[in-house]
Amino acid sequence: MFCSNRGQRGGCGRTFSFFLAEVLPRHTVTASLVWPWLAKLLAGLSVKAAVETLRLPFALETFYRLRRRLRQRLDIFRAQLCREQTPPVGTHTDPLLQTVEHLQLIFPGGACPPADYQLEFQQPFLG
């Protein structure tokens, strides 16, 4: 964002950035599309079944890459989430699903926990 100070505008002339919580930086998938998909995975569906159920407008490979990206960032997610609240005792053995449960526990009232995560921690959800 450029705060224009040219002509009749009384801006400061500086450039600054701002962060939209709904947007996942460097990805075309938005947080509001990722969350229902993660919720379906948490419910026990496979990646393919979750994508087909939600009728998402992206290729199936996109969500396999997203799952791989999330797994690579689990150490960062879990460390930040554990600072906020202890992890729930869950029934899942998959670390990714445990982290999704933890995310859901920390942001219970929000419509989109990935967006809430980005707002709270000021870090991109997918890196």
N, C-alpha and C. Protein backbone atom coordinates (compact mmCIF):
# COMPACT_ATOMS: atom_id res chain seq x y z
N MET A 1 0.86 -1.16 0.00
CA MET A 1 0.00 0.00 0.00
C MET A 1 0.91 1.23 0.00
N PHE A 2 0.58 2.16 -0.84
CA PHE A 2 1.35 3.39 -0.91
C PHE A 2 0.48 4.53 -0.41
N CYS A 3 0.96 5.24 0.60
CA CYS A 3 0.26 6.40 1.16
C CYS A 3 0.74 7.63 0.38
N SER A 4 -0.02 7.97 -0.64
CA SER A 4 0.41 9.01 -1.57
C SER A 4 0.48 10.39 -0.92
N ASN A 5 1.56 11.10 -1.22
CA ASN A 5 1.71 12.48 -0.74
C ASN A 5 1.85 13.43 -1.93
N ARG A 6 1.36 13.02 -3.08
CA ARG A 6 1.49 13.83 -4.28
C ARG A 6 0.26 14.69 -4.49
N GLY A 7 0.47 15.83 -5.02
CA GLY A 7 -0.64 16.71 -5.37
C GLY A 7 -1.42 17.18 -4.16
N GLN A 8 -2.71 16.99 -4.19
CA GLN A 8 -3.58 17.48 -3.13
C GLN A 8 -3.80 16.44 -2.03
N ARG A 9 -3.13 15.34 -2.11
CA ARG A 9 -3.28 14.31 -1.08
C ARG A 9 -2.32 14.59 0.06
N GLY A 10 -2.78 14.43 1.27
CA GLY A 10 -1.97 14.74 2.44
C GLY A 10 -1.36 13.51 3.08
N GLY A 11 -0.95 12.53 2.29
CA GLY A 11 -0.39 11.30 2.84
C GLY A 11 1.04 11.46 3.29
N CYS A 12 1.60 10.41 3.84
CA CYS A 12 2.96 10.46 4.38
C CYS A 12 4.02 10.11 3.34
N GLY A 13 3.62 9.51 2.21
CA GLY A 13 4.58 9.16 1.17
C GLY A 13 5.30 7.85 1.41
N ARG A 14 4.87 7.09 2.38
CA ARG A 14 5.54 5.83 2.70
C ARG A 14 4.76 4.65 2.13
N THR A 15 5.45 3.54 2.03
CA THR A 15 4.85 2.30 1.58
C THR A 15 4.78 1.35 2.77
N PHE A 16 3.64 0.70 2.93
CA PHE A 16 3.50 -0.26 4.02
C PHE A 16 2.68 -1.44 3.52
N SER A 17 2.77 -2.54 4.22
CA SER A 17 2.02 -3.72 3.81
C SER A 17 0.93 -4.02 4.83
N PHE A 18 -0.06 -4.75 4.37
CA PHE A 18 -1.10 -5.22 5.27
C PHE A 18 -1.41 -6.67 4.94
N PHE A 19 -2.02 -7.35 5.85
CA PHE A 19 -2.18 -8.79 5.78
C PHE A 19 -3.66 -9.14 5.86
N LEU A 20 -4.21 -9.77 4.85
CA LEU A 20 -5.60 -10.22 4.86
C LEU A 20 -5.65 -11.65 5.38
N ALA A 21 -6.43 -11.89 6.41
CA ALA A 21 -6.46 -13.21 7.04
C ALA A 21 -7.04 -14.28 6.13
N GLU A 22 -7.94 -13.92 5.26
CA GLU A 22 -8.59 -14.90 4.39
C GLU A 22 -7.64 -15.42 3.31
N VAL A 23 -6.66 -14.63 2.95
CA VAL A 23 -5.72 -14.99 1.88
C VAL A 23 -4.57 -15.80 2.46
N LEU A 24 -4.25 -16.90 1.80
CA LEU A 24 -3.08 -17.69 2.18
C LEU A 24 -1.94 -17.25 1.26
N PRO A 25 -0.95 -16.56 1.79
CA PRO A 25 0.11 -16.02 0.94
C PRO A 25 0.76 -17.08 0.05
N ARG A 26 0.99 -16.70 -1.19
CA ARG A 26 1.62 -17.54 -2.20
C ARG A 26 0.78 -18.76 -2.59
N HIS A 27 -0.52 -18.73 -2.32
CA HIS A 27 -1.41 -19.82 -2.70
C HIS A 27 -2.69 -19.25 -3.30
N THR A 28 -3.29 -19.97 -4.24
CA THR A 28 -4.56 -19.52 -4.80
C THR A 28 -5.74 -20.02 -3.97
N VAL A 29 -5.51 -21.01 -3.14
CA VAL A 29 -6.56 -21.53 -2.27
C VAL A 29 -6.72 -20.58 -1.09
N THR A 30 -7.95 -20.25 -0.74
CA THR A 30 -8.20 -19.36 0.39
C THR A 30 -8.41 -20.17 1.67
N ALA A 31 -8.33 -19.49 2.79
CA ALA A 31 -8.51 -20.14 4.08
C ALA A 31 -9.91 -20.73 4.21
N SER A 32 -10.90 -20.07 3.64
CA SER A 32 -12.27 -20.57 3.74
C SER A 32 -12.50 -21.81 2.89
N LEU A 33 -11.62 -22.12 1.95
CA LEU A 33 -11.69 -23.37 1.21
C LEU A 33 -10.88 -24.47 1.89
N VAL A 34 -9.81 -24.09 2.56
CA VAL A 34 -8.96 -25.08 3.23
C VAL A 34 -9.66 -25.64 4.47
N TRP A 35 -10.35 -24.79 5.22
CA TRP A 35 -10.94 -25.26 6.48
C TRP A 35 -11.99 -26.36 6.30
N PRO A 36 -12.97 -26.24 5.40
CA PRO A 36 -13.92 -27.35 5.24
C PRO A 36 -13.24 -28.65 4.81
N TRP A 37 -12.21 -28.51 4.00
CA TRP A 37 -11.46 -29.68 3.58
C TRP A 37 -10.77 -30.34 4.77
N LEU A 38 -10.16 -29.54 5.64
CA LEU A 38 -9.53 -30.09 6.84
C LEU A 38 -10.56 -30.72 7.78
N ALA A 39 -11.74 -30.10 7.86
CA ALA A 39 -12.81 -30.65 8.70
C ALA A 39 -13.27 -32.01 8.17
N LYS A 40 -13.34 -32.15 6.87
CA LYS A 40 -13.71 -33.45 6.27
C LYS A 40 -12.63 -34.49 6.54
N LEU A 41 -11.37 -34.09 6.47
CA LEU A 41 -10.29 -35.02 6.81
C LEU A 41 -10.40 -35.46 8.26
N LEU A 42 -10.73 -34.54 9.13
CA LEU A 42 -10.90 -34.83 10.55
C LEU A 42 -12.07 -35.78 10.78
N ALA A 43 -13.07 -35.69 9.94
CA ALA A 43 -14.23 -36.58 10.04
C ALA A 43 -13.95 -37.99 9.53
N GLY A 44 -12.78 -38.17 8.92
CA GLY A 44 -12.40 -39.51 8.48
C GLY A 44 -12.39 -39.74 6.99
N LEU A 45 -12.68 -38.72 6.21
CA LEU A 45 -12.65 -38.89 4.76
C LEU A 45 -11.21 -38.84 4.25
N SER A 46 -10.99 -39.45 3.11
CA SER A 46 -9.68 -39.36 2.46
C SER A 46 -9.57 -38.01 1.77
N VAL A 47 -8.39 -37.69 1.29
CA VAL A 47 -8.17 -36.42 0.60
C VAL A 47 -9.08 -36.35 -0.63
N LYS A 48 -9.11 -37.43 -1.38
CA LYS A 48 -9.92 -37.45 -2.60
C LYS A 48 -11.41 -37.33 -2.28
N ALA A 49 -11.89 -38.08 -1.31
CA ALA A 49 -13.31 -38.03 -0.95
C ALA A 49 -13.70 -36.65 -0.43
N ALA A 50 -12.83 -36.03 0.35
CA ALA A 50 -13.12 -34.69 0.87
C ALA A 50 -13.22 -33.68 -0.24
N VAL A 51 -12.31 -33.73 -1.20
CA VAL A 51 -12.34 -32.79 -2.34
C VAL A 51 -13.58 -33.02 -3.18
N GLU A 52 -13.92 -34.29 -3.43
CA GLU A 52 -15.10 -34.59 -4.23
C GLU A 52 -16.39 -34.19 -3.52
N THR A 53 -16.44 -34.40 -2.21
CA THR A 53 -17.64 -34.04 -1.44
C THR A 53 -17.86 -32.53 -1.46
N LEU A 54 -16.79 -31.76 -1.29
CA LEU A 54 -16.90 -30.31 -1.25
C LEU A 54 -17.00 -29.67 -2.63
N ARG A 55 -16.72 -30.45 -3.67
CA ARG A 55 -16.73 -29.97 -5.06
C ARG A 55 -15.86 -28.73 -5.22
N LEU A 56 -14.63 -28.84 -4.75
CA LEU A 56 -13.69 -27.72 -4.78
C LEU A 56 -13.19 -27.48 -6.20
N PRO A 57 -12.98 -26.22 -6.58
CA PRO A 57 -12.63 -25.89 -7.97
C PRO A 57 -11.14 -26.02 -8.30
N PHE A 58 -10.46 -26.93 -7.64
CA PHE A 58 -9.03 -27.12 -7.89
C PHE A 58 -8.77 -28.58 -8.20
N ALA A 59 -7.63 -28.84 -8.80
CA ALA A 59 -7.24 -30.21 -9.11
C ALA A 59 -6.96 -30.97 -7.81
N LEU A 60 -7.18 -32.25 -7.83
CA LEU A 60 -6.95 -33.10 -6.67
C LEU A 60 -5.50 -33.01 -6.19
N GLU A 61 -4.58 -32.89 -7.12
CA GLU A 61 -3.15 -32.80 -6.77
C GLU A 61 -2.86 -31.58 -5.91
N THR A 62 -3.64 -30.52 -6.08
CA THR A 62 -3.47 -29.31 -5.27
C THR A 62 -3.62 -29.63 -3.79
N PHE A 63 -4.59 -30.45 -3.46
CA PHE A 63 -4.85 -30.76 -2.06
C PHE A 63 -3.87 -31.79 -1.50
N TYR A 64 -3.34 -32.64 -2.36
CA TYR A 64 -2.26 -33.52 -1.90
C TYR A 64 -1.02 -32.68 -1.57
N ARG A 65 -0.75 -31.67 -2.40
CA ARG A 65 0.38 -30.77 -2.11
C ARG A 65 0.14 -29.97 -0.85
N LEU A 66 -1.10 -29.51 -0.65
CA LEU A 66 -1.42 -28.77 0.57
C LEU A 66 -1.24 -29.64 1.81
N ARG A 67 -1.67 -30.89 1.72
CA ARG A 67 -1.49 -31.79 2.86
C ARG A 67 -0.01 -32.00 3.15
N ARG A 68 0.79 -32.16 2.11
CA ARG A 68 2.23 -32.32 2.30
C ARG A 68 2.84 -31.06 2.91
N ARG A 69 2.40 -29.90 2.46
CA ARG A 69 2.89 -28.62 2.99
C ARG A 69 2.52 -28.47 4.47
N LEU A 70 1.30 -28.84 4.81
CA LEU A 70 0.87 -28.77 6.21
C LEU A 70 1.69 -29.72 7.08
N ARG A 71 1.95 -30.90 6.58
CA ARG A 71 2.77 -31.86 7.35
C ARG A 71 4.18 -31.34 7.57
N GLN A 72 4.72 -30.61 6.60
CA GLN A 72 6.07 -30.05 6.75
C GLN A 72 6.11 -28.95 7.79
N ARG A 73 4.97 -28.30 8.05
CA ARG A 73 4.92 -27.18 9.01
C ARG A 73 4.36 -27.58 10.37
N LEU A 74 4.14 -28.85 10.60
CA LEU A 74 3.53 -29.28 11.86
C LEU A 74 4.33 -28.84 13.08
N ASP A 75 5.65 -28.84 12.99
CA ASP A 75 6.46 -28.43 14.14
C ASP A 75 6.19 -26.98 14.52
N ILE A 76 6.00 -26.12 13.54
CA ILE A 76 5.71 -24.71 13.79
C ILE A 76 4.30 -24.55 14.36
N PHE A 77 3.33 -25.21 13.72
CA PHE A 77 1.95 -25.14 14.19
C PHE A 77 1.83 -25.61 15.63
N ARG A 78 2.36 -26.78 15.88
CA ARG A 78 2.17 -27.38 17.20
C ARG A 78 2.85 -26.56 18.29
N ALA A 79 4.01 -26.01 18.01
CA ALA A 79 4.69 -25.19 19.01
C ALA A 79 3.87 -23.95 19.35
N GLN A 80 3.32 -23.30 18.32
CA GLN A 80 2.53 -22.09 18.57
C GLN A 80 1.21 -22.42 19.26
N LEU A 81 0.57 -23.48 18.83
CA LEU A 81 -0.70 -23.85 19.44
C LEU A 81 -0.53 -24.30 20.89
N CYS A 82 0.56 -24.99 21.17
CA CYS A 82 0.81 -25.44 22.54
C CYS A 82 1.11 -24.29 23.49
N ARG A 83 1.63 -23.19 22.96
CA ARG A 83 1.85 -22.01 23.80
C ARG A 83 0.52 -21.40 24.24
N GLU A 84 -0.50 -21.56 23.42
CA GLU A 84 -1.82 -21.01 23.73
C GLU A 84 -2.60 -21.91 24.68
N GLN A 85 -2.57 -23.21 24.40
CA GLN A 85 -3.37 -24.15 25.18
C GLN A 85 -2.82 -25.55 24.99
N THR A 86 -2.95 -26.38 26.01
CA THR A 86 -2.46 -27.76 25.90
C THR A 86 -3.30 -28.50 24.87
N PRO A 87 -2.69 -29.43 24.16
CA PRO A 87 -3.42 -30.15 23.12
C PRO A 87 -4.52 -31.03 23.70
N PRO A 88 -5.59 -31.21 22.95
CA PRO A 88 -6.68 -32.05 23.44
C PRO A 88 -6.30 -33.52 23.38
N VAL A 89 -6.94 -34.29 24.21
CA VAL A 89 -6.76 -35.74 24.13
C VAL A 89 -7.70 -36.21 23.04
N GLY A 90 -7.12 -36.64 21.93
CA GLY A 90 -7.93 -37.02 20.78
C GLY A 90 -7.80 -38.49 20.45
N THR A 91 -8.61 -38.89 19.53
CA THR A 91 -8.62 -40.29 19.12
C THR A 91 -7.76 -40.53 17.88
N HIS A 92 -7.27 -39.47 17.28
CA HIS A 92 -6.49 -39.61 16.04
C HIS A 92 -5.03 -39.91 16.35
N THR A 93 -4.44 -40.75 15.53
CA THR A 93 -3.01 -41.04 15.66
C THR A 93 -2.19 -40.24 14.66
N ASP A 94 -2.84 -39.69 13.65
CA ASP A 94 -2.16 -38.89 12.64
C ASP A 94 -1.84 -37.51 13.23
N PRO A 95 -0.58 -37.09 13.22
CA PRO A 95 -0.21 -35.78 13.78
C PRO A 95 -0.92 -34.61 13.11
N LEU A 96 -1.19 -34.70 11.82
CA LEU A 96 -1.89 -33.62 11.13
C LEU A 96 -3.31 -33.48 11.69
N LEU A 97 -4.00 -34.58 11.87
CA LEU A 97 -5.37 -34.52 12.39
C LEU A 97 -5.38 -34.09 13.86
N GLN A 98 -4.37 -34.47 14.60
CA GLN A 98 -4.26 -33.99 15.98
C GLN A 98 -4.11 -32.47 16.01
N THR A 99 -3.32 -31.95 15.08
CA THR A 99 -3.11 -30.51 15.00
C THR A 99 -4.38 -29.78 14.57
N VAL A 100 -5.14 -30.38 13.66
CA VAL A 100 -6.41 -29.78 13.24
C VAL A 100 -7.38 -29.74 14.42
N GLU A 101 -7.41 -30.80 15.22
CA GLU A 101 -8.25 -30.80 16.43
C GLU A 101 -7.83 -29.69 17.39
N HIS A 102 -6.52 -29.53 17.53
CA HIS A 102 -5.98 -28.51 18.43
C HIS A 102 -6.36 -27.11 17.91
N LEU A 103 -6.25 -26.92 16.63
CA LEU A 103 -6.62 -25.65 16.00
C LEU A 103 -8.10 -25.35 16.24
N GLN A 104 -8.92 -26.37 16.12
CA GLN A 104 -10.35 -26.24 16.33
C GLN A 104 -10.66 -25.92 17.79
N LEU A 105 -9.88 -26.46 18.71
CA LEU A 105 -10.07 -26.22 20.13
C LEU A 105 -9.71 -24.77 20.50
N ILE A 106 -8.64 -24.26 19.92
CA ILE A 106 -8.18 -22.90 20.25
C ILE A 106 -9.08 -21.82 19.65
N PHE A 107 -9.63 -22.08 18.47
CA PHE A 107 -10.51 -21.11 17.81
C PHE A 107 -11.90 -21.72 17.64
N PRO A 108 -12.63 -21.94 18.74
CA PRO A 108 -13.91 -22.65 18.65
C PRO A 108 -15.04 -21.85 18.02
N GLY A 109 -15.06 -20.56 18.22
CA GLY A 109 -16.18 -19.76 17.73
C GLY A 109 -16.00 -19.24 16.33
N GLY A 110 -14.81 -19.36 15.81
CA GLY A 110 -14.53 -18.81 14.49
C GLY A 110 -15.06 -19.66 13.37
N ALA A 111 -15.46 -19.01 12.29
CA ALA A 111 -15.95 -19.74 11.12
C ALA A 111 -14.81 -20.37 10.34
N CYS A 112 -13.60 -19.80 10.49
CA CYS A 112 -12.46 -20.28 9.72
C CYS A 112 -11.20 -20.23 10.59
N PRO A 113 -10.90 -21.30 11.30
CA PRO A 113 -9.71 -21.31 12.16
C PRO A 113 -8.38 -20.99 11.45
N PRO A 114 -8.16 -21.41 10.18
CA PRO A 114 -6.91 -20.98 9.54
C PRO A 114 -6.78 -19.45 9.44
N ALA A 115 -7.87 -18.77 9.13
CA ALA A 115 -7.84 -17.30 9.08
C ALA A 115 -7.62 -16.73 10.48
N ASP A 116 -8.28 -17.33 11.48
CA ASP A 116 -8.09 -16.89 12.87
C ASP A 116 -6.65 -17.10 13.31
N TYR A 117 -6.05 -18.21 12.87
CA TYR A 117 -4.65 -18.50 13.18
C TYR A 117 -3.76 -17.39 12.62
N GLN A 118 -4.01 -17.01 11.36
CA GLN A 118 -3.19 -15.97 10.74
C GLN A 118 -3.36 -14.63 11.45
N LEU A 119 -4.56 -14.32 11.88
CA LEU A 119 -4.79 -13.07 12.61
C LEU A 119 -4.11 -13.09 13.97
N GLU A 120 -4.23 -14.20 14.67
CA GLU A 120 -3.68 -14.31 16.03
C GLU A 120 -2.16 -14.28 16.04
N PHE A 121 -1.55 -15.09 15.19
CA PHE A 121 -0.09 -15.26 15.24
C PHE A 121 0.65 -14.40 14.23
N GLN A 122 -0.07 -13.75 13.33
CA GLN A 122 0.54 -12.90 12.30
C GLN A 122 1.60 -13.65 11.51
N GLN A 123 1.29 -14.88 11.20
CA GLN A 123 2.15 -15.73 10.36
C GLN A 123 1.28 -16.45 9.36
N PRO A 124 1.78 -16.69 8.15
CA PRO A 124 0.98 -17.40 7.17
C PRO A 124 0.70 -18.83 7.59
N PHE A 125 -0.49 -19.29 7.33
CA PHE A 125 -0.90 -20.65 7.70
C PHE A 125 -0.10 -21.71 6.94
N LEU A 126 0.12 -21.47 5.66
CA LEU A 126 0.85 -22.44 4.85
C LEU A 126 2.30 -22.05 4.59
N GLY A 127 2.80 -21.07 5.25
CA GLY A 127 4.20 -20.69 5.11
C GLY A 127 4.54 -19.91 3.89
